[in-house]
Structure formats: structure tokens, C-alpha cells
Amino acid sequence: MKKISVTFTTLLGMAFCALLLTSGTAIAKPELTVDDCAKCHEQQPREIEEAGSAHKEAIDCQACHTGHRPASANNIPQCSMCHEGSPHYELENCLRCHNPHQPLLVKLEGELKAECLTCHTSQNDQLTANPSKHSTFSCNFCHAEKHGVIPECLQCHEPHSDKVTQADCATCHEVHQPLVLNYPDSTQNILCAACHDTAYSLLMASNTKHHDVACVTCHANKHKTVPQCSDCHDLPHAEGIHKKFPTCGSCHNIAHDLNNFPSQ
């Protein structure tokens, strides 16, 4: 019979293998840590570091990715796992606009409107209550390329006059209800003149006190308001004169060209 030579090292190795087979349950399961993620995933940790917002400050990788393939068959969570309580969170396909590793760097592709208005409800109220051409556009027609971008009106609209600048537009117009004109008491006459040039020219040529009165003093609160002369002047003449001439313009012409009658 042939003799088999067995060394001490071989015996030790066999004993170790036997120990593994008989006491496998006693060996600690490897633990996956957040630090391990970056060993394979380079892009996502970099994105989180650059603009992770609350996904950087409030949670870590394992708060969302609770397992790893193949042990975890689906380790990409649904956003609704954390985000709920708002109509915006009920939208489908969050990834259309949001990268979960940079959630506030919103991507705007295609025509978006219903999606935007789930958050921007006051703008929706204005667009719906006061229809205009602006109501027909998708939100990212104006707010294009990047979320939060507010374009200049003059990118689409010609100014009312060469004296009107971008800064003046908001004096009268609100972008989500542009046909509802609201203006402060400080509105300068020259802005009104951009549209009402005839009235402005007559007023500036007048030598009456009306020359120094601001347009918004008479046309107050609402655009196209036409006051009664008596709102300021009461009834300055004798009662008989007012009965005979009930319309002030019969004697005084129009308010912008007061007491300036064509020569007879």
C-alpha cells in the first residue's frame, strides 16, 4: 500500500474548513455602511455633495436604499415613501423633473402646467379667474430651462413706448393676470402716457390746475375709472346754472383740455 504524506499545514487547513462548515452560523454577517456606497457609486455622492439639499442634510444613502441587489430585488424606493400630504406628491413620474440626488435642481422638459400648478396654487387662481393669452401657455414657456427663472416681459412684449423699461411693467401689470391693471398712487403720468398719449399731451398743454394733477388722482383704484367732476369740485355754481347745464363739459370742455374751446 502506498503511504500518503500529510503535513501539519495541510491538517490545519482541513481543520479550519471543517470549522467553517460546522459553525457557519456563528460567523458575523458583513455590514454595509454609507462609506461603502461611494466605493462603487461615484456620480451620486458627488451630486448629493453639490446640491443634495435636505437629501444631503437630513438623510443618508441607506435611508432610501434600504438594501442592495441581489439581496434586495428592488432597492430604488418610491418618493412617496417619504413625501406625502400634498397634491404635488401625488403626481406620477417624479423623475421627469427631479433628480433625487439633487431634488431642487428641477429639470423642465416638455410642456408643463398641471404639474407646476400643484405647488403654485395662487398663480393658478389668477390665471383661471382672469383669462388672457398668458393662460393658454405652459408654465415653462415663460419659466424655461431652469426652475425659478423669471423672464423679462420685454422678451415677448414690445414696450408701450420708448420710455417704458422692464422695471416699469410691474407698476400696472401682474404677469398671471396681465389684463387686470393695478397701479399705486405713486404712478407717474409718463407711464400712463405710454398708452394714453392724446390725453397726456392735452393735459401737459393745459394752463389750468389739472396740469399738475396726477392721472391716478382722478383715475384711482381701477383702470378706466372715470370720475364725476363733482367728486372733487362738488357743485361750485348756483343751483340754477347746474340745472340748465347738467353736464360740466357743456361749458368747461373735457377734463384734459379744460376751458379750451375752439374760437367761434
C-alpha atoms as a PDB file:
ATOM      1  CA  MET A   1       0.000   0.000   0.000  1.00  0.00           C
ATOM      2  CA  LYS A   2       1.254   3.493  -0.909  1.00  0.00           C
ATOM      3  CA  LYS A   3       1.923   5.771   2.052  1.00  0.00           C
ATOM      4  CA  ILE A   4       0.260   9.221   1.973  1.00  0.00           C
ATOM      5  CA  SER A   5       2.306  12.022   3.493  1.00  0.00           C
ATOM      6  CA  VAL A   6       0.232  14.623   5.367  1.00  0.00           C
ATOM      7  CA  THR A   7       1.902  17.767   6.657  1.00  0.00           C
ATOM      8  CA  PHE A   8       0.906  19.790   9.689  1.00  0.00           C
ATOM      9  CA  THR A   9      -0.121  22.717   7.481  1.00  0.00           C
ATOM     10  CA  THR A  10      -2.480  20.519   5.499  1.00  0.00           C
ATOM     11  CA  LEU A  11      -4.073  19.215   8.675  1.00  0.00           C
ATOM     12  CA  LEU A  12      -4.533  22.743   9.983  1.00  0.00           C
ATOM     13  CA  GLY A  13      -6.243  23.809   6.773  1.00  0.00           C
ATOM     14  CA  MET A  14      -8.584  20.855   6.850  1.00  0.00           C
ATOM     15  CA  ALA A  15      -9.476  21.596  10.442  1.00  0.00           C
ATOM     16  CA  PHE A  16     -10.282  25.214   9.590  1.00  0.00           C
ATOM     17  CA  CYS A  17     -12.526  24.153   6.716  1.00  0.00           C
ATOM     18  CA  ALA A  18     -14.340  21.767   8.998  1.00  0.00           C
ATOM     19  CA  LEU A  19     -14.846  24.546  11.490  1.00  0.00           C
ATOM     20  CA  LEU A  20     -16.387  26.761   8.815  1.00  0.00           C
ATOM     21  CA  LEU A  21     -18.768  24.028   7.742  1.00  0.00           C
ATOM     22  CA  THR A  22     -19.914  23.171  11.225  1.00  0.00           C
ATOM     23  CA  SER A  23     -20.183  26.691  12.694  1.00  0.00           C
ATOM     24  CA  GLY A  24     -21.165  28.887   9.733  1.00  0.00           C
ATOM     25  CA  THR A  25     -23.973  30.466  11.692  1.00  0.00           C
ATOM     26  CA  ALA A  26     -21.511  31.878  14.178  1.00  0.00           C
ATOM     27  CA  ILE A  27     -19.674  33.995  11.555  1.00  0.00           C
ATOM     28  CA  ALA A  28     -20.764  37.686  11.598  1.00  0.00           C
ATOM     29  CA  LYS A  29     -22.698  38.901   8.541  1.00  0.00           C
ATOM     30  CA  PRO A  30     -20.798  41.642   6.653  1.00  0.00           C
ATOM     31  CA  GLU A  31     -22.298  45.069   7.419  1.00  0.00           C
ATOM     32  CA  LEU A  32     -22.829  47.592   4.609  1.00  0.00           C
ATOM     33  CA  THR A  33     -22.139  51.200   5.605  1.00  0.00           C
ATOM     34  CA  VAL A  34     -22.725  54.524   3.866  1.00  0.00           C
ATOM     35  CA  ASP A  35     -18.984  54.830   3.345  1.00  0.00           C
ATOM     36  CA  ASP A  36     -19.134  51.703   1.205  1.00  0.00           C
ATOM     37  CA  CYS A  37     -21.570  53.312  -1.269  1.00  0.00           C
ATOM     38  CA  ALA A  38     -19.015  55.712  -2.706  1.00  0.00           C
ATOM     39  CA  LYS A  39     -16.597  52.877  -3.418  1.00  0.00           C
ATOM     40  CA  CYS A  40     -18.727  51.921  -6.429  1.00  0.00           C
ATOM     41  CA  HIS A  41     -21.107  54.840  -6.945  1.00  0.00           C
ATOM     42  CA  GLU A  42     -19.096  57.943  -7.819  1.00  0.00           C
ATOM     43  CA  GLN A  43     -21.695  60.148  -9.521  1.00  0.00           C
ATOM     44  CA  GLN A  44     -24.497  60.055  -6.951  1.00  0.00           C
ATOM     45  CA  PRO A  45     -22.400  61.034  -3.885  1.00  0.00           C
ATOM     46  CA  ARG A  46     -20.888  63.851  -5.915  1.00  0.00           C
ATOM     47  CA  GLU A  47     -24.319  65.157  -6.917  1.00  0.00           C
ATOM     48  CA  ILE A  48     -25.547  64.994  -3.325  1.00  0.00           C
ATOM     49  CA  GLU A  49     -22.497  66.851  -2.105  1.00  0.00           C
ATOM     50  CA  GLU A  50     -23.042  69.612  -4.693  1.00  0.00           C
ATOM     51  CA  ALA A  51     -26.787  70.152  -4.326  1.00  0.00           C
ATOM     52  CA  GLY A  52     -28.381  67.465  -2.200  1.00  0.00           C
ATOM     53  CA  SER A  53     -30.423  69.905  -0.119  1.00  0.00           C
ATOM     54  CA  ALA A  54     -32.417  68.000   2.540  1.00  0.00           C
ATOM     55  CA  HIS A  55     -31.379  64.722   0.920  1.00  0.00           C
ATOM     56  CA  LYS A  56     -27.861  65.617   1.990  1.00  0.00           C
ATOM     57  CA  GLU A  57     -28.583  67.216   5.357  1.00  0.00           C
ATOM     58  CA  ALA A  58     -31.438  65.121   6.760  1.00  0.00           C
ATOM     59  CA  ILE A  59     -30.827  61.591   5.430  1.00  0.00           C
ATOM     60  CA  ASP A  60     -28.109  59.340   4.047  1.00  0.00           C
ATOM     61  CA  CYS A  61     -27.953  56.735   1.267  1.00  0.00           C
ATOM     62  CA  GLN A  62     -29.340  53.930   3.384  1.00  0.00           C
ATOM     63  CA  ALA A  63     -32.373  55.925   4.473  1.00  0.00           C
ATOM     64  CA  CYS A  64     -33.698  55.492   0.920  1.00  0.00           C
ATOM     65  CA  HIS A  65     -31.763  52.464  -0.341  1.00  0.00           C
ATOM     66  CA  THR A  66     -32.565  50.047   2.444  1.00  0.00           C
ATOM     67  CA  GLY A  67     -30.870  47.103   0.715  1.00  0.00           C
ATOM     68  CA  HIS A  68     -28.640  46.246  -2.221  1.00  0.00           C
ATOM     69  CA  ARG A  69     -29.039  43.938  -5.145  1.00  0.00           C
ATOM     70  CA  PRO A  70     -29.106  40.987  -5.449  1.00  0.00           C
ATOM     71  CA  ALA A  71     -30.119  40.534  -1.801  1.00  0.00           C
ATOM     72  CA  SER A  72     -32.673  43.342  -2.226  1.00  0.00           C
ATOM     73  CA  ALA A  73     -34.501  42.859  -5.502  1.00  0.00           C
ATOM     74  CA  ASN A  74     -35.680  46.485  -5.762  1.00  0.00           C
ATOM     75  CA  ASN A  75     -33.517  48.947  -3.905  1.00  0.00           C
ATOM     76  CA  ILE A  76     -34.810  52.029  -5.763  1.00  0.00           C
ATOM     77  CA  PRO A  77     -37.521  53.466  -3.462  1.00  0.00           C
ATOM     78  CA  GLN A  78     -40.689  55.308  -4.340  1.00  0.00           C
ATOM     79  CA  CYS A  79     -40.613  59.026  -3.496  1.00  0.00           C
ATOM     80  CA  SER A  80     -43.929  58.556  -1.700  1.00  0.00           C
ATOM     81  CA  MET A  81     -42.067  56.535   0.918  1.00  0.00           C
ATOM     82  CA  CYS A  82     -41.217  59.900   2.494  1.00  0.00           C
ATOM     83  CA  HIS A  83     -43.088  62.586   0.546  1.00  0.00           C
ATOM     84  CA  GLU A  84     -46.825  62.854   1.119  1.00  0.00           C
ATOM     85  CA  GLY A  85     -49.567  65.252   2.139  1.00  0.00           C
ATOM     86  CA  SER A  86     -49.578  67.486  -0.949  1.00  0.00           C
ATOM     87  CA  PRO A  87     -51.188  67.180  -4.407  1.00  0.00           C
ATOM     88  CA  HIS A  88     -47.716  67.647  -5.845  1.00  0.00           C
ATOM     89  CA  TYR A  89     -46.584  64.379  -4.270  1.00  0.00           C
ATOM     90  CA  GLU A  90     -49.478  62.551  -5.953  1.00  0.00           C
ATOM     91  CA  LEU A  91     -48.082  63.213  -9.433  1.00  0.00           C
ATOM     92  CA  GLU A  92     -46.709  60.271 -11.371  1.00  0.00           C
ATOM     93  CA  ASN A  93     -43.116  60.003 -12.568  1.00  0.00           C
ATOM     94  CA  CYS A  94     -41.295  62.293 -10.139  1.00  0.00           C
ATOM     95  CA  LEU A  95     -38.079  61.682 -12.062  1.00  0.00           C
ATOM     96  CA  ARG A  96     -39.455  63.621 -15.023  1.00  0.00           C
ATOM     97  CA  CYS A  97     -38.488  66.823 -13.213  1.00  0.00           C
ATOM     98  CA  HIS A  98     -36.478  65.767 -10.160  1.00  0.00           C
ATOM     99  CA  ASN A  99     -33.152  64.048  -9.742  1.00  0.00           C
ATOM    100  CA  PRO A 100     -33.439  62.545  -6.223  1.00  0.00           C
ATOM    101  CA  HIS A 101     -29.773  63.275  -5.564  1.00  0.00           C
ATOM    102  CA  GLN A 102     -30.272  66.978  -6.456  1.00  0.00           C
ATOM    103  CA  PRO A 103     -34.014  67.370  -5.820  1.00  0.00           C
ATOM    104  CA  LEU A 104     -34.266  71.156  -6.075  1.00  0.00           C
ATOM    105  CA  LEU A 105     -32.454  71.421  -9.399  1.00  0.00           C
ATOM    106  CA  VAL A 106     -35.701  70.929 -11.280  1.00  0.00           C
ATOM    107  CA  LYS A 107     -35.490  69.820 -14.904  1.00  0.00           C
ATOM    108  CA  LEU A 108     -38.123  71.347 -17.205  1.00  0.00           C
ATOM    109  CA  GLU A 109     -38.802  69.328 -20.339  1.00  0.00           C
ATOM    110  CA  GLY A 110     -41.907  69.169 -22.500  1.00  0.00           C
ATOM    111  CA  GLU A 111     -44.959  71.332 -21.791  1.00  0.00           C
ATOM    112  CA  LEU A 112     -45.552  71.587 -18.066  1.00  0.00           C
ATOM    113  CA  LYS A 113     -48.557  73.224 -16.480  1.00  0.00           C
ATOM    114  CA  ALA A 114     -50.696  70.915 -14.350  1.00  0.00           C
ATOM    115  CA  GLU A 115     -47.550  69.711 -12.630  1.00  0.00           C
ATOM    116  CA  CYS A 116     -46.416  73.237 -11.750  1.00  0.00           C
ATOM    117  CA  LEU A 117     -49.798  74.379 -10.529  1.00  0.00           C
ATOM    118  CA  THR A 118     -49.953  71.685  -7.860  1.00  0.00           C
ATOM    119  CA  CYS A 119     -47.432  73.833  -5.972  1.00  0.00           C
ATOM    120  CA  HIS A 120     -48.049  77.305  -7.382  1.00  0.00           C
ATOM    121  CA  THR A 121     -51.727  77.499  -6.483  1.00  0.00           C
ATOM    122  CA  SER A 122     -52.082  81.290  -6.194  1.00  0.00           C
ATOM    123  CA  GLN A 123     -50.787  81.714  -9.743  1.00  0.00           C
ATOM    124  CA  ASN A 124     -53.315  79.141 -10.911  1.00  0.00           C
ATOM    125  CA  ASP A 125     -56.121  81.075  -9.216  1.00  0.00           C
ATOM    126  CA  GLN A 126     -55.108  84.260 -11.035  1.00  0.00           C
ATOM    127  CA  LEU A 127     -54.753  82.582 -14.426  1.00  0.00           C
ATOM    128  CA  THR A 128     -58.142  80.898 -14.097  1.00  0.00           C
ATOM    129  CA  ALA A 129     -60.088  83.875 -12.764  1.00  0.00           C
ATOM    130  CA  ASN A 130     -58.629  86.326 -15.290  1.00  0.00           C
ATOM    131  CA  PRO A 131     -58.139  84.573 -18.650  1.00  0.00           C
ATOM    132  CA  SER A 132     -55.613  86.084 -21.033  1.00  0.00           C
ATOM    133  CA  LYS A 133     -53.127  84.819 -23.591  1.00  0.00           C
ATOM    134  CA  HIS A 134     -50.871  84.001 -20.666  1.00  0.00           C
ATOM    135  CA  SER A 135     -53.471  81.454 -19.534  1.00  0.00           C
ATOM    136  CA  THR A 136     -53.012  79.456 -22.729  1.00  0.00           C
ATOM    137  CA  PHE A 137     -49.270  78.892 -22.331  1.00  0.00           C
ATOM    138  CA  SER A 138     -47.479  76.134 -20.483  1.00  0.00           C
ATOM    139  CA  CYS A 139     -45.678  77.426 -17.397  1.00  0.00           C
ATOM    140  CA  ASN A 140     -42.258  76.623 -18.795  1.00  0.00           C
ATOM    141  CA  PHE A 141     -42.969  78.613 -21.934  1.00  0.00           C
ATOM    142  CA  CYS A 142     -42.013  81.605 -19.812  1.00  0.00           C
ATOM    143  CA  HIS A 143     -40.184  79.928 -16.933  1.00  0.00           C
ATOM    144  CA  ALA A 144     -37.953  77.991 -19.290  1.00  0.00           C
ATOM    145  CA  GLU A 145     -34.787  75.952 -18.894  1.00  0.00           C
ATOM    146  CA  LYS A 146     -34.422  76.365 -15.141  1.00  0.00           C
ATOM    147  CA  HIS A 147     -36.892  76.299 -12.261  1.00  0.00           C
ATOM    148  CA  GLY A 148     -37.335  79.693 -10.619  1.00  0.00           C
ATOM    149  CA  VAL A 149     -36.313  81.698 -13.687  1.00  0.00           C
ATOM    150  CA  ILE A 150     -38.441  84.843 -14.077  1.00  0.00           C
ATOM    151  CA  PRO A 151     -38.127  86.219 -17.609  1.00  0.00           C
ATOM    152  CA  GLU A 152     -38.324  89.846 -18.621  1.00  0.00           C
ATOM    153  CA  CYS A 153     -41.642  90.917 -20.129  1.00  0.00           C
ATOM    154  CA  LEU A 154     -39.781  92.575 -22.984  1.00  0.00           C
ATOM    155  CA  GLN A 155     -38.546  89.199 -24.194  1.00  0.00           C
ATOM    156  CA  CYS A 156     -42.006  88.747 -25.720  1.00  0.00           C
ATOM    157  CA  HIS A 157     -43.762  92.104 -25.462  1.00  0.00           C
ATOM    158  CA  GLU A 158     -42.950  95.369 -27.176  1.00  0.00           C
ATOM    159  CA  PRO A 159     -42.926  98.240 -24.638  1.00  0.00           C
ATOM    160  CA  HIS A 160     -45.874 100.647 -24.760  1.00  0.00           C
ATOM    161  CA  SER A 161     -43.415 103.427 -25.545  1.00  0.00           C
ATOM    162  CA  ASP A 162     -39.683 104.014 -25.761  1.00  0.00           C
ATOM    163  CA  LYS A 163     -39.818 105.483 -22.245  1.00  0.00           C
ATOM    164  CA  VAL A 164     -41.093 102.239 -20.672  1.00  0.00           C
ATOM    165  CA  THR A 165     -38.478  99.866 -19.253  1.00  0.00           C
ATOM    166  CA  GLN A 166     -38.725  96.349 -17.851  1.00  0.00           C
ATOM    167  CA  ALA A 167     -38.822  97.771 -14.328  1.00  0.00           C
ATOM    168  CA  ASP A 168     -41.993  99.725 -15.203  1.00  0.00           C
ATOM    169  CA  CYS A 169     -44.096  96.761 -16.400  1.00  0.00           C
ATOM    170  CA  ALA A 170     -44.975  95.544 -12.910  1.00  0.00           C
ATOM    171  CA  THR A 171     -46.222  99.000 -11.935  1.00  0.00           C
ATOM    172  CA  CYS A 172     -49.500  98.202 -13.681  1.00  0.00           C
ATOM    173  CA  HIS A 173     -49.392  94.552 -14.760  1.00  0.00           C
ATOM    174  CA  GLU A 174     -49.307  91.294 -12.836  1.00  0.00           C
ATOM    175  CA  VAL A 175     -47.949  88.549 -15.063  1.00  0.00           C
ATOM    176  CA  HIS A 176     -50.552  85.903 -14.185  1.00  0.00           C
ATOM    177  CA  GLN A 177     -53.442  88.358 -14.661  1.00  0.00           C
ATOM    178  CA  PRO A 178     -51.986  90.918 -17.068  1.00  0.00           C
ATOM    179  CA  LEU A 179     -55.318  92.443 -18.112  1.00  0.00           C
ATOM    180  CA  VAL A 180     -56.210  93.369 -14.532  1.00  0.00           C
ATOM    181  CA  LEU A 181     -54.379  96.673 -14.138  1.00  0.00           C
ATOM    182  CA  ASN A 182     -53.499  97.732 -10.625  1.00  0.00           C
ATOM    183  CA  TYR A 183     -51.299 100.735 -10.020  1.00  0.00           C
ATOM    184  CA  PRO A 184     -50.088 102.544  -6.902  1.00  0.00           C
ATOM    185  CA  ASP A 185     -50.789 106.176  -6.037  1.00  0.00           C
ATOM    186  CA  SER A 186     -47.174 106.940  -6.916  1.00  0.00           C
ATOM    187  CA  THR A 187     -47.580 106.007 -10.605  1.00  0.00           C
ATOM    188  CA  GLN A 188     -46.070 108.704 -12.781  1.00  0.00           C
ATOM    189  CA  ASN A 189     -48.078 110.361 -15.536  1.00  0.00           C
ATOM    190  CA  ILE A 190     -45.455 109.479 -18.119  1.00  0.00           C
ATOM    191  CA  LEU A 191     -46.299 105.777 -17.675  1.00  0.00           C
ATOM    192  CA  CYS A 192     -49.961 106.447 -18.370  1.00  0.00           C
ATOM    193  CA  ALA A 193     -48.920 108.464 -21.404  1.00  0.00           C
ATOM    194  CA  ALA A 194     -47.360 105.368 -22.937  1.00  0.00           C
ATOM    195  CA  CYS A 195     -50.895 104.284 -23.851  1.00  0.00           C
ATOM    196  CA  HIS A 196     -52.949 107.451 -23.332  1.00  0.00           C
ATOM    197  CA  ASP A 197     -50.751 109.824 -25.278  1.00  0.00           C
ATOM    198  CA  THR A 198     -53.527 112.151 -26.523  1.00  0.00           C
ATOM    199  CA  ALA A 199     -54.912 112.746 -23.026  1.00  0.00           C
ATOM    200  CA  TYR A 200     -51.395 113.298 -21.678  1.00  0.00           C
ATOM    201  CA  SER A 201     -50.460 115.786 -24.416  1.00  0.00           C
ATOM    202  CA  LEU A 202     -53.617 117.816 -23.828  1.00  0.00           C
ATOM    203  CA  LEU A 203     -53.067 117.816 -20.077  1.00  0.00           C
ATOM    204  CA  MET A 204     -49.462 118.956 -20.380  1.00  0.00           C
ATOM    205  CA  ALA A 205     -50.522 121.782 -22.679  1.00  0.00           C
ATOM    206  CA  SER A 206     -53.249 122.970 -20.310  1.00  0.00           C
ATOM    207  CA  ASN A 207     -52.684 126.088 -18.212  1.00  0.00           C
ATOM    208  CA  THR A 208     -55.252 125.030 -15.592  1.00  0.00           C
ATOM    209  CA  LYS A 209     -54.706 123.317 -12.238  1.00  0.00           C
ATOM    210  CA  HIS A 210     -55.441 119.988 -13.905  1.00  0.00           C
ATOM    211  CA  HIS A 211     -51.989 120.265 -15.492  1.00  0.00           C
ATOM    212  CA  ASP A 212     -50.400 119.471 -12.121  1.00  0.00           C
ATOM    213  CA  VAL A 213     -52.775 116.703 -11.057  1.00  0.00           C
ATOM    214  CA  ALA A 214     -51.530 113.103 -11.340  1.00  0.00           C
ATOM    215  CA  CYS A 215     -53.524 110.799 -13.590  1.00  0.00           C
ATOM    216  CA  VAL A 216     -54.049 108.351 -10.712  1.00  0.00           C
ATOM    217  CA  THR A 217     -55.624 111.070  -8.567  1.00  0.00           C
ATOM    218  CA  CYS A 218     -58.683 111.080 -10.799  1.00  0.00           C
ATOM    219  CA  HIS A 219     -58.431 107.604 -12.332  1.00  0.00           C
ATOM    220  CA  ALA A 220     -57.941 105.898  -8.993  1.00  0.00           C
ATOM    221  CA  ASN A 221     -58.234 102.315  -7.777  1.00  0.00           C
ATOM    222  CA  LYS A 222     -59.191 100.734 -11.086  1.00  0.00           C
ATOM    223  CA  HIS A 223     -58.065 101.222 -14.660  1.00  0.00           C
ATOM    224  CA  LYS A 224     -60.555 103.105 -16.872  1.00  0.00           C
ATOM    225  CA  THR A 225     -62.281 104.654 -13.877  1.00  0.00           C
ATOM    226  CA  VAL A 226     -63.827 107.958 -14.985  1.00  0.00           C
ATOM    227  CA  PRO A 227     -64.793 110.126 -12.012  1.00  0.00           C
ATOM    228  CA  GLN A 228     -67.514 112.696 -11.780  1.00  0.00           C
ATOM    229  CA  CYS A 229     -66.331 116.313 -11.673  1.00  0.00           C
ATOM    230  CA  SER A 230     -68.365 116.742  -8.508  1.00  0.00           C
ATOM    231  CA  ASP A 231     -66.192 114.125  -6.767  1.00  0.00           C
ATOM    232  CA  CYS A 232     -63.616 116.900  -6.379  1.00  0.00           C
ATOM    233  CA  HIS A 233     -65.428 120.115  -7.196  1.00  0.00           C
ATOM    234  CA  ASP A 234     -68.820 119.411  -5.626  1.00  0.00           C
ATOM    235  CA  LEU A 235     -71.370 121.871  -7.166  1.00  0.00           C
ATOM    236  CA  PRO A 236     -69.406 125.118  -7.445  1.00  0.00           C
ATOM    237  CA  HIS A 237     -72.041 127.204  -9.243  1.00  0.00           C
ATOM    238  CA  ALA A 238     -75.525 128.421  -8.453  1.00  0.00           C
ATOM    239  CA  GLU A 239     -78.202 125.742  -8.483  1.00  0.00           C
ATOM    240  CA  GLY A 240     -79.912 127.294 -11.490  1.00  0.00           C
ATOM    241  CA  ILE A 241     -76.749 127.056 -13.604  1.00  0.00           C
ATOM    242  CA  HIS A 242     -76.333 123.379 -12.786  1.00  0.00           C
ATOM    243  CA  LYS A 243     -79.945 122.706 -13.709  1.00  0.00           C
ATOM    244  CA  LYS A 244     -79.559 124.458 -17.043  1.00  0.00           C
ATOM    245  CA  PHE A 245     -76.188 122.861 -17.788  1.00  0.00           C
ATOM    246  CA  PRO A 246     -76.174 119.467 -16.018  1.00  0.00           C
ATOM    247  CA  THR A 247     -73.082 118.339 -17.905  1.00  0.00           C
ATOM    248  CA  CYS A 248     -69.914 120.150 -16.848  1.00  0.00           C
ATOM    249  CA  GLY A 249     -68.356 119.680 -20.276  1.00  0.00           C
ATOM    250  CA  SER A 250     -71.045 121.869 -21.806  1.00  0.00           C
ATOM    251  CA  CYS A 251     -69.095 124.848 -20.504  1.00  0.00           C
ATOM    252  CA  HIS A 252     -65.683 123.538 -19.494  1.00  0.00           C
ATOM    253  CA  ASN A 253     -64.790 121.123 -22.310  1.00  0.00           C
ATOM    254  CA  ILE A 254     -63.069 117.852 -21.306  1.00  0.00           C
ATOM    255  CA  ALA A 255     -61.026 117.470 -18.130  1.00  0.00           C
ATOM    256  CA  HIS A 256     -57.724 117.045 -20.039  1.00  0.00           C
ATOM    257  CA  ASP A 257     -58.295 120.196 -22.086  1.00  0.00           C
ATOM    258  CA  LEU A 258     -60.200 122.317 -19.616  1.00  0.00           C
ATOM    259  CA  ASN A 259     -61.725 125.658 -20.726  1.00  0.00           C
ATOM    260  CA  ASN A 260     -60.033 125.448 -24.102  1.00  0.00           C
ATOM    261  CA  PHE A 261     -62.748 125.963 -26.686  1.00  0.00           C
ATOM    262  CA  PRO A 262     -62.258 126.444 -30.426  1.00  0.00           C
ATOM    263  CA  SER A 263     -62.554 130.061 -31.396  1.00  0.00           C
ATOM    264  CA  GLN A 264     -66.019 130.922 -32.637  1.00  0.00           C
END
